[in-house]
Amino acid sequence: MDTDEILEALMSKWWGRALMCLFFLGLAWLFYHVLSDVEEGTGNARVPWYIALTYYIGGKWALVGPLAVVSGLFGLMSIHQLITGRE
């Protein structure tokens, strides 16, 4: 089973989308706390240049916000699929 088949099977079920929601929410939480530690001076993180550029232009929320929005969209899609019963 290759990656495309796994993703297709995962995204066809409501619980798969709910898992993706939790994954992106966890990623947003991780970014938020790592960046908060760096801002406070208690942490140190090396990041790729495109993440650093995004951070310098838009701040912490320019990185965390889109991940939280994607998480919310996956959550809404999973709830909609659960309620309507569509695959």
N, C-alpha and C. Protein backbone atom coordinates (compact mmCIF):
# COMPACT_ATOMS: atom_id res chain seq x y z
N MET A 1 0.85 -1.17 0.00
CA MET A 1 0.00 0.00 0.00
C MET A 1 0.90 1.24 0.00
N ASP A 2 0.76 2.10 -0.99
CA ASP A 2 1.61 3.29 -1.05
C ASP A 2 0.94 4.48 -0.36
N THR A 3 1.64 5.59 -0.32
CA THR A 3 1.19 6.76 0.43
C THR A 3 -0.12 7.33 -0.10
N ASP A 4 -0.29 7.35 -1.43
CA ASP A 4 -1.52 7.89 -2.00
C ASP A 4 -2.74 7.08 -1.59
N GLU A 5 -2.60 5.76 -1.58
CA GLU A 5 -3.71 4.90 -1.18
C GLU A 5 -4.05 5.08 0.30
N ILE A 6 -3.03 5.27 1.12
CA ILE A 6 -3.26 5.48 2.55
C ILE A 6 -3.99 6.79 2.78
N LEU A 7 -3.53 7.86 2.11
CA LEU A 7 -4.19 9.16 2.26
C LEU A 7 -5.62 9.14 1.74
N GLU A 8 -5.83 8.45 0.62
CA GLU A 8 -7.19 8.36 0.07
C GLU A 8 -8.11 7.61 1.02
N ALA A 9 -7.63 6.52 1.60
CA ALA A 9 -8.44 5.77 2.56
C ALA A 9 -8.70 6.59 3.82
N LEU A 10 -7.69 7.34 4.26
CA LEU A 10 -7.83 8.16 5.46
C LEU A 10 -8.82 9.29 5.25
N MET A 11 -8.77 9.95 4.12
CA MET A 11 -9.61 11.11 3.88
C MET A 11 -11.04 10.73 3.48
N SER A 12 -11.30 9.46 3.22
CA SER A 12 -12.66 9.07 2.85
C SER A 12 -13.55 8.81 4.07
N LYS A 13 -12.99 8.76 5.24
CA LYS A 13 -13.75 8.51 6.48
C LYS A 13 -13.77 9.78 7.34
N TRP A 14 -14.83 9.95 8.12
CA TRP A 14 -14.94 11.14 8.96
C TRP A 14 -13.86 11.15 10.03
N TRP A 15 -13.53 9.97 10.57
CA TRP A 15 -12.53 9.91 11.63
C TRP A 15 -11.13 10.19 11.09
N GLY A 16 -10.90 9.92 9.81
CA GLY A 16 -9.62 10.25 9.20
C GLY A 16 -9.42 11.75 9.13
N ARG A 17 -10.49 12.45 8.78
CA ARG A 17 -10.41 13.92 8.75
C ARG A 17 -10.28 14.49 10.15
N ALA A 18 -10.91 13.84 11.11
CA ALA A 18 -10.77 14.28 12.51
C ALA A 18 -9.32 14.08 12.98
N LEU A 19 -8.69 13.00 12.57
CA LEU A 19 -7.28 12.78 12.90
C LEU A 19 -6.39 13.84 12.27
N MET A 20 -6.70 14.22 11.02
CA MET A 20 -5.94 15.28 10.36
C MET A 20 -6.13 16.61 11.10
N CYS A 21 -7.35 16.85 11.59
CA CYS A 21 -7.63 18.04 12.39
C CYS A 21 -6.74 18.07 13.62
N LEU A 22 -6.66 16.95 14.33
CA LEU A 22 -5.83 16.87 15.53
C LEU A 22 -4.35 17.01 15.20
N PHE A 23 -3.93 16.45 14.06
CA PHE A 23 -2.53 16.56 13.64
C PHE A 23 -2.15 18.03 13.41
N PHE A 24 -2.96 18.76 12.64
CA PHE A 24 -2.64 20.15 12.36
C PHE A 24 -2.78 21.03 13.59
N LEU A 25 -3.72 20.70 14.47
CA LEU A 25 -3.86 21.44 15.72
C LEU A 25 -2.63 21.23 16.60
N GLY A 26 -2.14 20.00 16.65
CA GLY A 26 -0.93 19.71 17.41
C GLY A 26 0.29 20.40 16.84
N LEU A 27 0.37 20.45 15.52
CA LEU A 27 1.48 21.14 14.87
C LEU A 27 1.44 22.64 15.15
N ALA A 28 0.24 23.23 15.12
CA ALA A 28 0.09 24.64 15.44
C ALA A 28 0.48 24.90 16.90
N TRP A 29 0.07 24.02 17.79
CA TRP A 29 0.42 24.16 19.21
C TRP A 29 1.93 24.08 19.40
N LEU A 30 2.57 23.14 18.71
CA LEU A 30 4.02 22.98 18.82
C LEU A 30 4.73 24.23 18.32
N PHE A 31 4.35 24.74 17.15
CA PHE A 31 4.95 25.96 16.62
C PHE A 31 4.75 27.13 17.58
N TYR A 32 3.54 27.25 18.12
CA TYR A 32 3.24 28.35 19.04
C TYR A 32 4.17 28.32 20.25
N HIS A 33 4.32 27.15 20.86
CA HIS A 33 5.12 27.08 22.07
C HIS A 33 6.61 27.21 21.79
N VAL A 34 7.09 26.67 20.68
CA VAL A 34 8.50 26.84 20.34
C VAL A 34 8.80 28.31 20.07
N LEU A 35 7.93 28.98 19.32
CA LEU A 35 8.15 30.39 19.02
C LEU A 35 7.98 31.25 20.27
N SER A 36 7.10 30.88 21.17
CA SER A 36 6.95 31.63 22.43
C SER A 36 8.22 31.52 23.27
N ASP A 37 8.80 30.33 23.32
CA ASP A 37 10.05 30.15 24.06
C ASP A 37 11.18 30.97 23.45
N VAL A 38 11.24 31.01 22.13
CA VAL A 38 12.28 31.79 21.46
C VAL A 38 12.08 33.28 21.73
N GLU A 39 10.82 33.74 21.70
CA GLU A 39 10.54 35.15 21.96
C GLU A 39 10.91 35.56 23.39
N GLU A 40 10.67 34.66 24.33
CA GLU A 40 10.98 34.95 25.73
C GLU A 40 12.46 34.81 26.04
N GLY A 41 13.20 34.22 25.14
CA GLY A 41 14.63 34.04 25.35
C GLY A 41 14.99 32.78 26.11
N THR A 42 13.99 31.93 26.39
CA THR A 42 14.28 30.70 27.14
C THR A 42 14.56 29.52 26.23
N GLY A 43 14.35 29.69 24.94
CA GLY A 43 14.56 28.58 24.01
C GLY A 43 15.40 29.02 22.83
N ASN A 44 15.86 28.03 22.10
CA ASN A 44 16.66 28.29 20.92
C ASN A 44 16.23 27.29 19.86
N ALA A 45 15.92 27.78 18.68
CA ALA A 45 15.47 26.88 17.62
C ALA A 45 16.07 27.31 16.30
N ARG A 46 16.59 26.35 15.56
CA ARG A 46 17.06 26.62 14.21
C ARG A 46 15.93 26.21 13.27
N VAL A 47 15.57 27.14 12.39
CA VAL A 47 14.47 26.89 11.47
C VAL A 47 14.93 27.18 10.06
N PRO A 48 14.26 26.58 9.07
CA PRO A 48 14.59 26.89 7.68
C PRO A 48 14.34 28.37 7.37
N TRP A 49 14.99 28.86 6.34
CA TRP A 49 14.93 30.29 6.01
C TRP A 49 13.52 30.77 5.70
N TYR A 50 12.69 29.94 5.05
CA TYR A 50 11.35 30.39 4.69
C TYR A 50 10.45 30.52 5.91
N ILE A 51 10.68 29.72 6.93
CA ILE A 51 9.91 29.87 8.16
C ILE A 51 10.38 31.12 8.91
N ALA A 52 11.70 31.35 8.93
CA ALA A 52 12.23 32.54 9.58
C ALA A 52 11.74 33.80 8.87
N LEU A 53 11.71 33.80 7.55
CA LEU A 53 11.23 34.96 6.80
C LEU A 53 9.76 35.24 7.10
N THR A 54 8.96 34.18 7.12
CA THR A 54 7.54 34.34 7.44
C THR A 54 7.36 34.89 8.86
N TYR A 55 8.18 34.39 9.78
CA TYR A 55 8.11 34.87 11.16
C TYR A 55 8.48 36.34 11.26
N TYR A 56 9.54 36.75 10.56
CA TYR A 56 9.97 38.15 10.64
C TYR A 56 8.97 39.09 9.97
N ILE A 57 8.28 38.62 8.96
CA ILE A 57 7.29 39.47 8.28
C ILE A 57 5.99 39.55 9.07
N GLY A 58 5.47 38.39 9.48
CA GLY A 58 4.14 38.38 10.09
C GLY A 58 4.08 37.99 11.54
N GLY A 59 5.19 37.61 12.13
CA GLY A 59 5.19 37.22 13.53
C GLY A 59 4.74 35.77 13.72
N LYS A 60 4.52 35.47 14.99
CA LYS A 60 4.16 34.10 15.38
C LYS A 60 2.86 33.65 14.73
N TRP A 61 1.90 34.56 14.64
CA TRP A 61 0.58 34.18 14.14
C TRP A 61 0.56 33.96 12.63
N ALA A 62 1.55 34.47 11.92
CA ALA A 62 1.64 34.20 10.49
C ALA A 62 1.99 32.73 10.24
N LEU A 63 2.62 32.09 11.21
CA LEU A 63 2.94 30.66 11.10
C LEU A 63 1.86 29.78 11.73
N VAL A 64 1.36 30.22 12.88
CA VAL A 64 0.40 29.40 13.63
C VAL A 64 -1.00 29.53 13.05
N GLY A 65 -1.37 30.72 12.60
CA GLY A 65 -2.72 30.98 12.10
C GLY A 65 -3.16 30.07 10.95
N PRO A 66 -2.37 29.95 9.87
CA PRO A 66 -2.79 29.06 8.78
C PRO A 66 -2.93 27.60 9.21
N LEU A 67 -2.06 27.14 10.11
CA LEU A 67 -2.19 25.77 10.60
C LEU A 67 -3.48 25.59 11.40
N ALA A 68 -3.83 26.59 12.19
CA ALA A 68 -5.07 26.52 12.96
C ALA A 68 -6.28 26.57 12.04
N VAL A 69 -6.21 27.37 10.97
CA VAL A 69 -7.32 27.44 10.01
C VAL A 69 -7.50 26.10 9.30
N VAL A 70 -6.40 25.49 8.88
CA VAL A 70 -6.47 24.18 8.22
C VAL A 70 -7.04 23.14 9.17
N SER A 71 -6.62 23.21 10.43
CA SER A 71 -7.16 22.29 11.43
C SER A 71 -8.67 22.47 11.58
N GLY A 72 -9.10 23.72 11.65
CA GLY A 72 -10.54 24.00 11.76
C GLY A 72 -11.32 23.50 10.56
N LEU A 73 -10.75 23.66 9.37
CA LEU A 73 -11.43 23.18 8.16
C LEU A 73 -11.57 21.66 8.17
N PHE A 74 -10.51 20.97 8.56
CA PHE A 74 -10.61 19.51 8.66
C PHE A 74 -11.64 19.10 9.71
N GLY A 75 -11.69 19.85 10.82
CA GLY A 75 -12.69 19.56 11.84
C GLY A 75 -14.11 19.75 11.33
N LEU A 76 -14.34 20.85 10.61
CA LEU A 76 -15.67 21.09 10.04
C LEU A 76 -16.04 20.05 8.99
N MET A 77 -15.07 19.65 8.17
CA MET A 77 -15.35 18.62 7.16
C MET A 77 -15.69 17.28 7.81
N SER A 78 -15.00 16.95 8.89
CA SER A 78 -15.28 15.67 9.55
C SER A 78 -16.66 15.70 10.21
N ILE A 79 -17.02 16.82 10.82
CA ILE A 79 -18.35 16.93 11.44
C ILE A 79 -19.44 16.87 10.37
N HIS A 80 -19.22 17.57 9.26
CA HIS A 80 -20.20 17.54 8.17
C HIS A 80 -20.37 16.13 7.62
N GLN A 81 -19.27 15.43 7.43
CA GLN A 81 -19.34 14.07 6.90
C GLN A 81 -20.00 13.13 7.91
N LEU A 82 -19.76 13.33 9.17
CA LEU A 82 -20.38 12.49 10.21
C LEU A 82 -21.89 12.72 10.25
N ILE A 83 -22.31 13.97 10.15
CA ILE A 83 -23.74 14.29 10.24
C ILE A 83 -24.49 13.84 8.99
N THR A 84 -23.92 14.12 7.82
CA THR A 84 -24.62 13.79 6.58
C THR A 84 -24.48 12.33 6.20
N GLY A 85 -23.45 11.66 6.67
CA GLY A 85 -23.26 10.25 6.37
C GLY A 85 -22.68 10.00 4.98
N ARG A 86 -22.20 11.04 4.31
CA ARG A 86 -21.60 10.86 2.98
C ARG A 86 -20.17 10.42 3.10
N GLU A 87 -19.74 9.66 2.11
CA GLU A 87 -18.33 9.24 2.05
C GLU A 87 -17.51 10.29 1.37
